[in-house]
C-alpha atoms as a PDB file:
ATOM      1  CA  UNK A   1     -17.133  24.965  26.849  1.00  0.00           C
ATOM      2  CA  UNK A   2     -14.294  22.828  25.507  1.00  0.00           C
ATOM      3  CA  UNK A   3     -14.037  22.644  21.745  1.00  0.00           C
ATOM      4  CA  UNK A   4     -13.581  19.321  20.840  1.00  0.00           C
ATOM      5  CA  UNK A   5     -12.340  17.963  17.468  1.00  0.00           C
ATOM      6  CA  UNK A   6     -11.415  14.670  16.130  1.00  0.00           C
ATOM      7  CA  UNK A   7      -8.456  14.289  13.889  1.00  0.00           C
ATOM      8  CA  UNK A   8      -7.657  11.270  11.840  1.00  0.00           C
ATOM      9  CA  UNK A   9      -4.146  11.209  10.540  1.00  0.00           C
ATOM     10  CA  UNK A  10      -3.248   8.734   8.028  1.00  0.00           C
ATOM     11  CA  UNK A  11       0.377   7.698   7.139  1.00  0.00           C
ATOM     12  CA  UNK A  12       1.813   5.813   4.279  1.00  0.00           C
ATOM     13  CA  UNK A  13       3.133   2.979   6.298  1.00  0.00           C
ATOM     14  CA  UNK A  14       1.591  -0.237   7.535  1.00  0.00           C
ATOM     15  CA  UNK A  15       4.011  -2.919   7.546  1.00  0.00           C
ATOM     16  CA  UNK A  16       6.994  -1.589   9.405  1.00  0.00           C
ATOM     17  CA  UNK A  17       6.271  -2.143  13.005  1.00  0.00           C
ATOM     18  CA  UNK A  18       9.027  -0.190  14.239  1.00  0.00           C
ATOM     19  CA  UNK A  19       8.076   3.164  12.184  1.00  0.00           C
ATOM     20  CA  UNK A  20       4.244   2.500  13.381  1.00  0.00           C
ATOM     21  CA  UNK A  21       5.424   2.350  16.980  1.00  0.00           C
ATOM     22  CA  UNK A  22       7.170   5.365  16.625  1.00  0.00           C
ATOM     23  CA  UNK A  23       4.197   7.305  15.279  1.00  0.00           C
ATOM     24  CA  UNK A  24       2.012   5.877  17.890  1.00  0.00           C
ATOM     25  CA  UNK A  25       4.288   6.741  20.920  1.00  0.00           C
ATOM     26  CA  UNK A  26       4.327  10.570  19.495  1.00  0.00           C
ATOM     27  CA  UNK A  27       0.419  10.472  19.618  1.00  0.00           C
ATOM     28  CA  UNK A  28       0.226   8.949  23.200  1.00  0.00           C
ATOM     29  CA  UNK A  29       2.551  11.339  24.402  1.00  0.00           C
ATOM     30  CA  UNK A  30       0.730  14.786  23.506  1.00  0.00           C
ATOM     31  CA  UNK A  31      -1.648  16.887  26.024  1.00  0.00           C
ATOM     32  CA  UNK A  32      -5.098  17.912  25.937  1.00  0.00           C
ATOM     33  CA  UNK A  33      -6.603  15.022  24.004  1.00  0.00           C
ATOM     34  CA  UNK A  34      -6.834  11.281  23.328  1.00  0.00           C
ATOM     35  CA  UNK A  35      -5.547   8.863  21.099  1.00  0.00           C
ATOM     36  CA  UNK A  36      -8.801   6.857  21.029  1.00  0.00           C
ATOM     37  CA  UNK A  37      -7.539   4.423  18.204  1.00  0.00           C
ATOM     38  CA  UNK A  38      -4.838   3.464  15.810  1.00  0.00           C
ATOM     39  CA  UNK A  39      -4.684   0.957  13.351  1.00  0.00           C
ATOM     40  CA  UNK A  40      -1.970  -0.480  10.872  1.00  0.00           C
ATOM     41  CA  UNK A  41      -3.013  -2.165   7.880  1.00  0.00           C
ATOM     42  CA  UNK A  42      -0.264  -4.267   6.080  1.00  0.00           C
ATOM     43  CA  UNK A  43      -2.118  -4.961   3.002  1.00  0.00           C
ATOM     44  CA  UNK A  44      -2.773  -1.215   2.164  1.00  0.00           C
ATOM     45  CA  UNK A  45       0.421  -0.474   4.083  1.00  0.00           C
ATOM     46  CA  UNK A  46      -1.178   2.259   5.637  1.00  0.00           C
ATOM     47  CA  UNK A  47      -1.833   3.263   9.162  1.00  0.00           C
ATOM     48  CA  UNK A  48      -4.391   5.531  10.722  1.00  0.00           C
ATOM     49  CA  UNK A  49      -4.486   7.522  14.180  1.00  0.00           C
ATOM     50  CA  UNK A  50      -7.565   8.832  15.811  1.00  0.00           C
ATOM     51  CA  UNK A  51      -7.047  12.015  17.994  1.00  0.00           C
ATOM     52  CA  UNK A  52      -9.932  13.278  20.133  1.00  0.00           C
ATOM     53  CA  UNK A  53      -9.809  16.453  22.082  1.00  0.00           C
ATOM     54  CA  UNK A  54      -8.858  20.245  22.019  1.00  0.00           C
ATOM     55  CA  UNK A  55      -7.083  21.815  19.153  1.00  0.00           C
ATOM     56  CA  UNK A  56      -4.077  22.940  20.143  1.00  0.00           C
ATOM     57  CA  UNK A  57      -2.410  19.969  21.242  1.00  0.00           C
ATOM     58  CA  UNK A  58      -3.561  17.944  18.596  1.00  0.00           C
ATOM     59  CA  UNK A  59      -1.876  20.184  16.155  1.00  0.00           C
ATOM     60  CA  UNK A  60       1.303  20.137  17.839  1.00  0.00           C
ATOM     61  CA  UNK A  61       1.347  16.358  17.747  1.00  0.00           C
ATOM     62  CA  UNK A  62       0.256  16.075  13.983  1.00  0.00           C
ATOM     63  CA  UNK A  63       3.153  18.570  13.447  1.00  0.00           C
ATOM     64  CA  UNK A  64       5.556  16.364  15.435  1.00  0.00           C
ATOM     65  CA  UNK A  65       4.295  12.903  13.587  1.00  0.00           C
ATOM     66  CA  UNK A  66       4.616  14.233  10.138  1.00  0.00           C
ATOM     67  CA  UNK A  67       8.027  15.155  11.139  1.00  0.00           C
ATOM     68  CA  UNK A  68       8.805  11.917  12.313  1.00  0.00           C
ATOM     69  CA  UNK A  69       7.153  10.761   9.021  1.00  0.00           C
ATOM     70  CA  UNK A  70       9.292  12.804   6.766  1.00  0.00           C
ATOM     71  CA  UNK A  71      12.379  11.391   8.386  1.00  0.00           C
ATOM     72  CA  UNK A  72      11.198   7.769   8.416  1.00  0.00           C
ATOM     73  CA  UNK A  73       9.184   7.026   5.362  1.00  0.00           C
ATOM     74  CA  UNK A  74      10.799   6.783   1.985  1.00  0.00           C
ATOM     75  CA  UNK A  75       7.863   7.031  -0.698  1.00  0.00           C
ATOM     76  CA  UNK A  76      10.245   6.315  -3.364  1.00  0.00           C
ATOM     77  CA  UNK A  77      10.480   2.883  -1.527  1.00  0.00           C
ATOM     78  CA  UNK A  78       7.079   1.874  -0.587  1.00  0.00           C
ATOM     79  CA  UNK A  79       4.683  -0.337  -2.301  1.00  0.00           C
ATOM     80  CA  UNK A  80       0.963  -0.832  -1.589  1.00  0.00           C
ATOM     81  CA  UNK A  81      -2.350  -0.956  -3.366  1.00  0.00           C
ATOM     82  CA  UNK A  82      -3.803   2.247  -2.052  1.00  0.00           C
ATOM     83  CA  UNK A  83      -3.760   5.243  -3.527  1.00  0.00           C
ATOM     84  CA  UNK A  84      -1.198   7.982  -1.643  1.00  0.00           C
ATOM     85  CA  UNK A  85       0.556  11.121  -2.405  1.00  0.00           C
ATOM     86  CA  UNK A  86       3.063  11.443   0.829  1.00  0.00           C
ATOM     87  CA  UNK A  87       4.168  10.043   3.888  1.00  0.00           C
ATOM     88  CA  UNK A  88       2.009  12.183   5.927  1.00  0.00           C
ATOM     89  CA  UNK A  89      -0.598  11.077   3.491  1.00  0.00           C
ATOM     90  CA  UNK A  90      -3.975  12.623   4.689  1.00  0.00           C
ATOM     91  CA  UNK A  91      -5.493  14.280   7.616  1.00  0.00           C
ATOM     92  CA  UNK A  92      -9.107  14.667   8.161  1.00  0.00           C
ATOM     93  CA  UNK A  93     -10.726  17.466  10.787  1.00  0.00           C
ATOM     94  CA  UNK A  94     -14.020  16.518  12.130  1.00  0.00           C
ATOM     95  CA  UNK A  95     -16.224  18.709  14.357  1.00  0.00           C
ATOM     96  CA  UNK A  96     -17.343  16.663  17.537  1.00  0.00           C
ATOM     97  CA  UNK A  97     -18.640  18.882  20.195  1.00  0.00           C
ATOM     98  CA  UNK A  98     -19.051  22.864  20.680  1.00  0.00           C
ATOM     99  CA  UNK A  99     -17.402  23.786  17.870  1.00  0.00           C
ATOM    100  CA  UNK A 100     -18.592  24.736  13.974  1.00  0.00           C
ATOM    101  CA  UNK A 101     -17.502  23.616  10.409  1.00  0.00           C
ATOM    102  CA  UNK A 102     -16.104  27.048   9.981  1.00  0.00           C
ATOM    103  CA  UNK A 103     -13.866  27.080  13.173  1.00  0.00           C
ATOM    104  CA  UNK A 104     -12.828  23.741  11.933  1.00  0.00           C
ATOM    105  CA  UNK A 105     -11.773  25.255   8.416  1.00  0.00           C
ATOM    106  CA  UNK A 106      -9.733  27.881  10.326  1.00  0.00           C
ATOM    107  CA  UNK A 107      -7.890  25.089  12.249  1.00  0.00           C
ATOM    108  CA  UNK A 108      -7.160  22.990   8.989  1.00  0.00           C
ATOM    109  CA  UNK A 109      -5.886  26.429   7.465  1.00  0.00           C
ATOM    110  CA  UNK A 110      -3.693  26.922  10.593  1.00  0.00           C
ATOM    111  CA  UNK A 111      -2.418  23.496  10.418  1.00  0.00           C
ATOM    112  CA  UNK A 112      -1.686  23.491   6.644  1.00  0.00           C
ATOM    113  CA  UNK A 113       0.185  26.670   7.242  1.00  0.00           C
ATOM    114  CA  UNK A 114       2.353  25.236   9.930  1.00  0.00           C
ATOM    115  CA  UNK A 115       3.131  22.100   8.177  1.00  0.00           C
ATOM    116  CA  UNK A 116       3.805  24.165   5.144  1.00  0.00           C
ATOM    117  CA  UNK A 117       6.311  26.582   6.778  1.00  0.00           C
ATOM    118  CA  UNK A 118       8.094  24.413   9.432  1.00  0.00           C
ATOM    119  CA  UNK A 119       8.322  21.266   7.565  1.00  0.00           C
ATOM    120  CA  UNK A 120       8.606  22.314   4.047  1.00  0.00           C
ATOM    121  CA  UNK A 121       5.858  20.105   2.877  1.00  0.00           C
ATOM    122  CA  UNK A 122       3.259  21.104   0.090  1.00  0.00           C
ATOM    123  CA  UNK A 123      -0.111  20.857   1.641  1.00  0.00           C
ATOM    124  CA  UNK A 124      -3.493  20.685  -0.275  1.00  0.00           C
ATOM    125  CA  UNK A 125      -6.913  21.511   1.631  1.00  0.00           C
ATOM    126  CA  UNK A 126      -9.986  19.489   0.643  1.00  0.00           C
ATOM    127  CA  UNK A 127     -13.477  19.116   1.789  1.00  0.00           C
ATOM    128  CA  UNK A 128     -15.018  21.823   3.643  1.00  0.00           C
ATOM    129  CA  UNK A 129     -11.513  23.436   3.678  1.00  0.00           C
ATOM    130  CA  UNK A 130     -10.990  23.539  -0.005  1.00  0.00           C
ATOM    131  CA  UNK A 131     -10.011  26.580  -1.476  1.00  0.00           C
ATOM    132  CA  UNK A 132     -11.853  25.895  -4.771  1.00  0.00           C
ATOM    133  CA  UNK A 133     -14.394  23.569  -5.968  1.00  0.00           C
ATOM    134  CA  UNK A 134     -11.997  21.367  -7.893  1.00  0.00           C
ATOM    135  CA  UNK A 135     -10.153  20.418  -4.752  1.00  0.00           C
ATOM    136  CA  UNK A 136     -13.208  19.603  -2.507  1.00  0.00           C
ATOM    137  CA  UNK A 137     -13.185  15.923  -3.853  1.00  0.00           C
ATOM    138  CA  UNK A 138      -9.929  14.171  -2.206  1.00  0.00           C
ATOM    139  CA  UNK A 139      -9.988  11.954  -5.326  1.00  0.00           C
ATOM    140  CA  UNK A 140      -8.794  14.869  -7.544  1.00  0.00           C
ATOM    141  CA  UNK A 141      -6.057  15.836  -5.475  1.00  0.00           C
ATOM    142  CA  UNK A 142      -4.546  12.123  -5.243  1.00  0.00           C
ATOM    143  CA  UNK A 143      -5.100  11.263  -8.737  1.00  0.00           C
ATOM    144  CA  UNK A 144      -1.478  10.743 -10.067  1.00  0.00           C
ATOM    145  CA  UNK A 145      -0.445   9.835  -6.769  1.00  0.00           C
ATOM    146  CA  UNK A 146       3.123  10.300  -5.274  1.00  0.00           C
ATOM    147  CA  UNK A 147       4.794   9.453  -8.804  1.00  0.00           C
ATOM    148  CA  UNK A 148       2.952  11.802 -10.551  1.00  0.00           C
ATOM    149  CA  UNK A 149       2.936  14.727  -8.372  1.00  0.00           C
ATOM    150  CA  UNK A 150       6.178  16.121  -9.674  1.00  0.00           C
ATOM    151  CA  UNK A 151       4.586  16.904 -12.728  1.00  0.00           C
ATOM    152  CA  UNK A 152       1.144  17.670 -11.543  1.00  0.00           C
ATOM    153  CA  UNK A 153       2.318  20.522  -8.975  1.00  0.00           C
ATOM    154  CA  UNK A 154       3.850  22.477 -11.972  1.00  0.00           C
ATOM    155  CA  UNK A 155       0.522  23.185 -13.308  1.00  0.00           C
ATOM    156  CA  UNK A 156      -1.169  26.285 -12.231  1.00  0.00           C
ATOM    157  CA  UNK A 157      -4.260  24.884 -11.147  1.00  0.00           C
ATOM    158  CA  UNK A 158      -2.379  22.741  -8.772  1.00  0.00           C
ATOM    159  CA  UNK A 159      -0.117  24.948  -6.930  1.00  0.00           C
ATOM    160  CA  UNK A 160      -0.206  23.574  -3.127  1.00  0.00           C
ATOM    161  CA  UNK A 161      -2.468  26.014  -0.760  1.00  0.00           C
ATOM    162  CA  UNK A 162       0.395  26.246   1.529  1.00  0.00           C
ATOM    163  CA  UNK A 163       4.261  25.143   1.400  1.00  0.00           C
ATOM    164  CA  UNK A 164       6.819  24.981  -1.197  1.00  0.00           C
ATOM    165  CA  UNK A 165       5.828  24.799  -4.949  1.00  0.00           C
ATOM    166  CA  UNK A 166       7.887  21.445  -5.221  1.00  0.00           C
ATOM    167  CA  UNK A 167       7.131  18.161  -4.184  1.00  0.00           C
ATOM    168  CA  UNK A 168       9.417  16.823  -1.139  1.00  0.00           C
ATOM    169  CA  UNK A 169      11.593  14.150  -3.017  1.00  0.00           C
ATOM    170  CA  UNK A 170      10.846  11.345  -0.523  1.00  0.00           C
ATOM    171  CA  UNK A 171       7.622  12.580   1.484  1.00  0.00           C
ATOM    172  CA  UNK A 172       5.700  13.836  -1.118  1.00  0.00           C
ATOM    173  CA  UNK A 173       2.763  15.968  -0.190  1.00  0.00           C
ATOM    174  CA  UNK A 174      -0.105  16.120   2.447  1.00  0.00           C
ATOM    175  CA  UNK A 175      -3.776  16.820   2.138  1.00  0.00           C
ATOM    176  CA  UNK A 176      -5.883  18.151   4.737  1.00  0.00           C
ATOM    177  CA  UNK A 177      -9.273  18.163   4.930  1.00  0.00           C
ATOM    178  CA  UNK A 178     -12.609  19.286   6.949  1.00  0.00           C
ATOM    179  CA  UNK A 179     -15.545  16.743   6.893  1.00  0.00           C
ATOM    180  CA  UNK A 180     -18.570  16.224   8.690  1.00  0.00           C
ATOM    181  CA  UNK A 181     -18.120  12.650   9.502  1.00  0.00           C
ATOM    182  CA  UNK A 182     -15.364   9.977   7.798  1.00  0.00           C
ATOM    183  CA  UNK A 183     -16.388   6.177   8.087  1.00  0.00           C
ATOM    184  CA  UNK A 184     -14.614   3.657   6.172  1.00  0.00           C
ATOM    185  CA  UNK A 185     -16.642   0.618   5.164  1.00  0.00           C
ATOM    186  CA  UNK A 186     -14.624  -2.268   3.557  1.00  0.00           C
ATOM    187  CA  UNK A 187     -16.579  -5.194   1.960  1.00  0.00           C
ATOM    188  CA  UNK A 188     -14.772  -8.333   0.776  1.00  0.00           C
ATOM    189  CA  UNK A 189     -16.120 -10.198  -2.208  1.00  0.00           C
ATOM    190  CA  UNK A 190     -15.631 -13.816  -3.562  1.00  0.00           C
ATOM    191  CA  UNK A 191     -14.108 -12.911  -6.734  1.00  0.00           C
ATOM    192  CA  UNK A 192     -10.281 -12.661  -8.127  1.00  0.00           C
ATOM    193  CA  UNK A 193     -11.277 -10.902 -11.069  1.00  0.00           C
ATOM    194  CA  UNK A 194     -10.025  -7.378 -10.533  1.00  0.00           C
ATOM    195  CA  UNK A 195     -11.649  -5.869 -13.693  1.00  0.00           C
ATOM    196  CA  UNK A 196     -15.410  -6.683 -12.300  1.00  0.00           C
ATOM    197  CA  UNK A 197     -14.517  -5.576  -8.805  1.00  0.00           C
ATOM    198  CA  UNK A 198     -13.181  -2.193 -10.202  1.00  0.00           C
ATOM    199  CA  UNK A 199     -16.433  -2.053 -12.244  1.00  0.00           C
ATOM    200  CA  UNK A 200     -18.540  -2.686  -9.121  1.00  0.00           C
ATOM    201  CA  UNK A 201     -16.525   0.035  -7.191  1.00  0.00           C
ATOM    202  CA  UNK A 202     -17.010   2.512 -10.363  1.00  0.00           C
ATOM    203  CA  UNK A 203     -20.478   1.576 -10.296  1.00  0.00           C
ATOM    204  CA  UNK A 204     -21.085   2.844  -6.716  1.00  0.00           C
ATOM    205  CA  UNK A 205     -19.442   6.011  -6.841  1.00  0.00           C
ATOM    206  CA  UNK A 206     -20.971   9.180  -6.374  1.00  0.00           C
ATOM    207  CA  UNK A 207     -20.772  10.393  -9.655  1.00  0.00           C
ATOM    208  CA  UNK A 208     -22.311   7.091 -11.224  1.00  0.00           C
ATOM    209  CA  UNK A 209     -24.718   6.147  -8.491  1.00  0.00           C
ATOM    210  CA  UNK A 210     -25.860   9.269  -6.999  1.00  0.00           C
ATOM    211  CA  UNK A 211     -24.639   8.238  -3.488  1.00  0.00           C
ATOM    212  CA  UNK A 212     -23.610  11.577  -1.995  1.00  0.00           C
ATOM    213  CA  UNK A 213     -20.128  11.793  -0.894  1.00  0.00           C
ATOM    214  CA  UNK A 214     -19.409   8.127  -1.701  1.00  0.00           C
ATOM    215  CA  UNK A 215     -15.737   7.263  -2.361  1.00  0.00           C
ATOM    216  CA  UNK A 216     -14.956   3.646  -3.661  1.00  0.00           C
ATOM    217  CA  UNK A 217     -11.882   1.393  -4.813  1.00  0.00           C
ATOM    218  CA  UNK A 218     -11.278  -2.034  -5.429  1.00  0.00           C
ATOM    219  CA  UNK A 219      -7.932  -3.426  -4.114  1.00  0.00           C
ATOM    220  CA  UNK A 220      -6.475  -6.980  -4.549  1.00  0.00           C
ATOM    221  CA  UNK A 221      -5.138  -7.965  -0.812  1.00  0.00           C
ATOM    222  CA  UNK A 222      -2.705 -10.441  -0.551  1.00  0.00           C
ATOM    223  CA  UNK A 223      -3.837 -11.774   3.295  1.00  0.00           C
ATOM    224  CA  UNK A 224      -7.342 -12.169   2.153  1.00  0.00           C
ATOM    225  CA  UNK A 225      -6.751 -14.094  -1.276  1.00  0.00           C
ATOM    226  CA  UNK A 226      -9.295 -11.945  -2.754  1.00  0.00           C
ATOM    227  CA  UNK A 227     -10.554  -8.512  -3.410  1.00  0.00           C
ATOM    228  CA  UNK A 228     -12.119  -5.698  -1.291  1.00  0.00           C
ATOM    229  CA  UNK A 229     -14.232  -2.786  -2.043  1.00  0.00           C
ATOM    230  CA  UNK A 230     -13.043   0.082  -0.099  1.00  0.00           C
ATOM    231  CA  UNK A 231     -15.496   2.662   0.682  1.00  0.00           C
ATOM    232  CA  UNK A 232     -15.390   5.924   2.274  1.00  0.00           C
ATOM    233  CA  UNK A 233     -18.652   7.543   3.562  1.00  0.00           C
ATOM    234  CA  UNK A 234     -18.513  11.534   4.371  1.00  0.00           C
ATOM    235  CA  UNK A 235     -22.049  12.005   5.769  1.00  0.00           C
ATOM    236  CA  UNK A 236     -23.489   8.566   7.230  1.00  0.00           C
ATOM    237  CA  UNK A 237     -26.586  10.401   8.321  1.00  0.00           C
ATOM    238  CA  UNK A 238     -27.617  11.138   4.558  1.00  0.00           C
ATOM    239  CA  UNK A 239     -25.876   8.076   3.275  1.00  0.00           C
ATOM    240  CA  UNK A 240     -26.336   5.319   5.979  1.00  0.00           C
ATOM    241  CA  UNK A 241     -23.735   2.229   5.684  1.00  0.00           C
ATOM    242  CA  UNK A 242     -26.676  -0.094   5.073  1.00  0.00           C
ATOM    243  CA  UNK A 243     -27.544   1.969   1.736  1.00  0.00           C
ATOM    244  CA  UNK A 244     -23.960   1.356   0.953  1.00  0.00           C
ATOM    245  CA  UNK A 245     -23.563  -2.589   1.628  1.00  0.00           C
ATOM    246  CA  UNK A 246     -26.704  -2.992  -0.125  1.00  0.00           C
ATOM    247  CA  UNK A 247     -25.724  -1.515  -3.292  1.00  0.00           C
ATOM    248  CA  UNK A 248     -22.507  -3.141  -3.387  1.00  0.00           C
ATOM    249  CA  UNK A 249     -24.402  -6.406  -2.976  1.00  0.00           C
ATOM    250  CA  UNK A 250     -26.486  -5.473  -5.850  1.00  0.00           C
ATOM    251  CA  UNK A 251     -23.780  -4.263  -8.277  1.00  0.00           C
ATOM    252  CA  UNK A 252     -21.524  -7.232  -7.445  1.00  0.00           C
ATOM    253  CA  UNK A 253     -24.736  -9.539  -8.286  1.00  0.00           C
ATOM    254  CA  UNK A 254     -25.164  -8.007 -11.315  1.00  0.00           C
ATOM    255  CA  UNK A 255     -21.779  -9.615 -12.098  1.00  0.00           C
ATOM    256  CA  UNK A 256     -22.322 -13.039 -10.615  1.00  0.00           C
ATOM    257  CA  UNK A 257     -20.294 -11.870  -7.435  1.00  0.00           C
ATOM    258  CA  UNK A 258     -21.313 -12.408  -3.884  1.00  0.00           C
ATOM    259  CA  UNK A 259     -20.528 -10.050  -1.062  1.00  0.00           C
ATOM    260  CA  UNK A 260     -18.585 -12.221   1.830  1.00  0.00           C
ATOM    261  CA  UNK A 261     -18.487  -9.944   4.905  1.00  0.00           C
ATOM    262  CA  UNK A 262     -17.714  -6.015   5.787  1.00  0.00           C
ATOM    263  CA  UNK A 263     -15.118  -4.480   8.208  1.00  0.00           C
ATOM    264  CA  UNK A 264     -15.588  -1.021   9.590  1.00  0.00           C
ATOM    265  CA  UNK A 265     -12.008   0.339   9.773  1.00  0.00           C
ATOM    266  CA  UNK A 266     -11.516   2.669  12.656  1.00  0.00           C
ATOM    267  CA  UNK A 267     -13.493   4.141  15.489  1.00  0.00           C
ATOM    268  CA  UNK A 268     -17.124   5.245  14.349  1.00  0.00           C
ATOM    269  CA  UNK A 269     -20.081   6.986  16.465  1.00  0.00           C
ATOM    270  CA  UNK A 270     -22.518   5.045  18.150  1.00  0.00           C
ATOM    271  CA  UNK A 271     -25.385   6.087  16.022  1.00  0.00           C
ATOM    272  CA  UNK A 272     -23.822   4.474  12.936  1.00  0.00           C
ATOM    273  CA  UNK A 273     -24.036   1.056  14.400  1.00  0.00           C
ATOM    274  CA  UNK A 274     -27.719   1.758  15.924  1.00  0.00           C
ATOM    275  CA  UNK A 275     -28.607   2.748  12.342  1.00  0.00           C
ATOM    276  CA  UNK A 276     -27.621  -0.131  10.771  1.00  0.00           C
ATOM    277  CA  UNK A 277     -28.896  -2.267  13.347  1.00  0.00           C
ATOM    278  CA  UNK A 278     -32.430  -0.833  13.411  1.00  0.00           C
ATOM    279  CA  UNK A 279     -32.455  -0.905   9.598  1.00  0.00           C
ATOM    280  CA  UNK A 280     -31.817  -4.954   9.608  1.00  0.00           C
ATOM    281  CA  UNK A 281     -33.752  -5.619  12.483  1.00  0.00           C
ATOM    282  CA  UNK A 282     -36.674  -3.579  11.315  1.00  0.00           C
ATOM    283  CA  UNK A 283     -36.846  -2.120  14.809  1.00  0.00           C
ATOM    284  CA  UNK A 284     -40.119  -0.451  14.659  1.00  0.00           C
ATOM    285  CA  UNK A 285     -40.253   2.985  16.894  1.00  0.00           C
ATOM    286  CA  UNK A 286     -36.758   2.279  18.271  1.00  0.00           C
ATOM    287  CA  UNK A 287     -35.726   5.431  20.395  1.00  0.00           C
ATOM    288  CA  UNK A 288     -32.042   5.223  20.922  1.00  0.00           C
ATOM    289  CA  UNK A 289     -31.931   8.003  23.483  1.00  0.00           C
ATOM    290  CA  UNK A 290     -34.197   6.303  25.731  1.00  0.00           C
ATOM    291  CA  UNK A 291     -33.451   2.515  24.704  1.00  0.00           C
ATOM    292  CA  UNK A 292     -29.802   2.304  25.117  1.00  0.00           C
ATOM    293  CA  UNK A 293     -28.622   1.382  28.625  1.00  0.00           C
ATOM    294  CA  UNK A 294     -25.288   3.240  28.279  1.00  0.00           C
ATOM    295  CA  UNK A 295     -26.815   6.246  27.663  1.00  0.00           C
ATOM    296  CA  UNK A 296     -27.989   6.277  31.588  1.00  0.00           C
ATOM    297  CA  UNK A 297     -24.622   5.646  32.673  1.00  0.00           C
ATOM    298  CA  UNK A 298     -22.929   9.010  31.266  1.00  0.00           C
END
């Protein structure tokens, strides 16, 4: 049986079309997997690539994409509101079919070792691949961002898992994690008050709300002339999207702010949308296995 994984590779460039297209070309040329989606977000100055397939082919491609990023993205010149630590910023590994979390952790370790040794980038493992409890939470690794990492990496507790013990001068560091899921739900709110928006984001984070695995930040976006609450959900089966959306509405309303709409960034399992639609339609006894037409075409 073929072991199938999804790898989401995020890069700190979403405005330069030439660099984005260069990364996309590499992703399209690999073997043993499909590039099922790619997105460039100019507001964030960030891009994401979604690779689905066999482990070995994806590993080679991710290394090649990182090599390209090192030579084309200079973090000392990059600007954007989204937190980042490097040119090849964050890589998430997600089990899809015929593969365990433990095997994905081994894969992340292999990928980290190759990147550290061949590209001379410091690599930090997070999520299920983390070597200690402190590093399970990606936000703790990102804290201080690219600008603060030259000092952070000197601390004994922040030595990298792989690669050199010094930050790459222009490409920074890379984080590789293993997660059960990774859903990005961005919620636009009708305020220009960034302080109130940050308070809303803070209120819904796991440590304050109890919503397991929820990350949230408030970002002031030029193209929308407003503010967005950007959330990351690591297990939609335990934390459905509608729960996050309603909690944001509740916290925003307590500050006299209304939700305008939401955006799902990237590619998600069909179950995510079925789960959300079933909730809002109050679809009693809906059986997605039996009542979705496309299931009979597969």
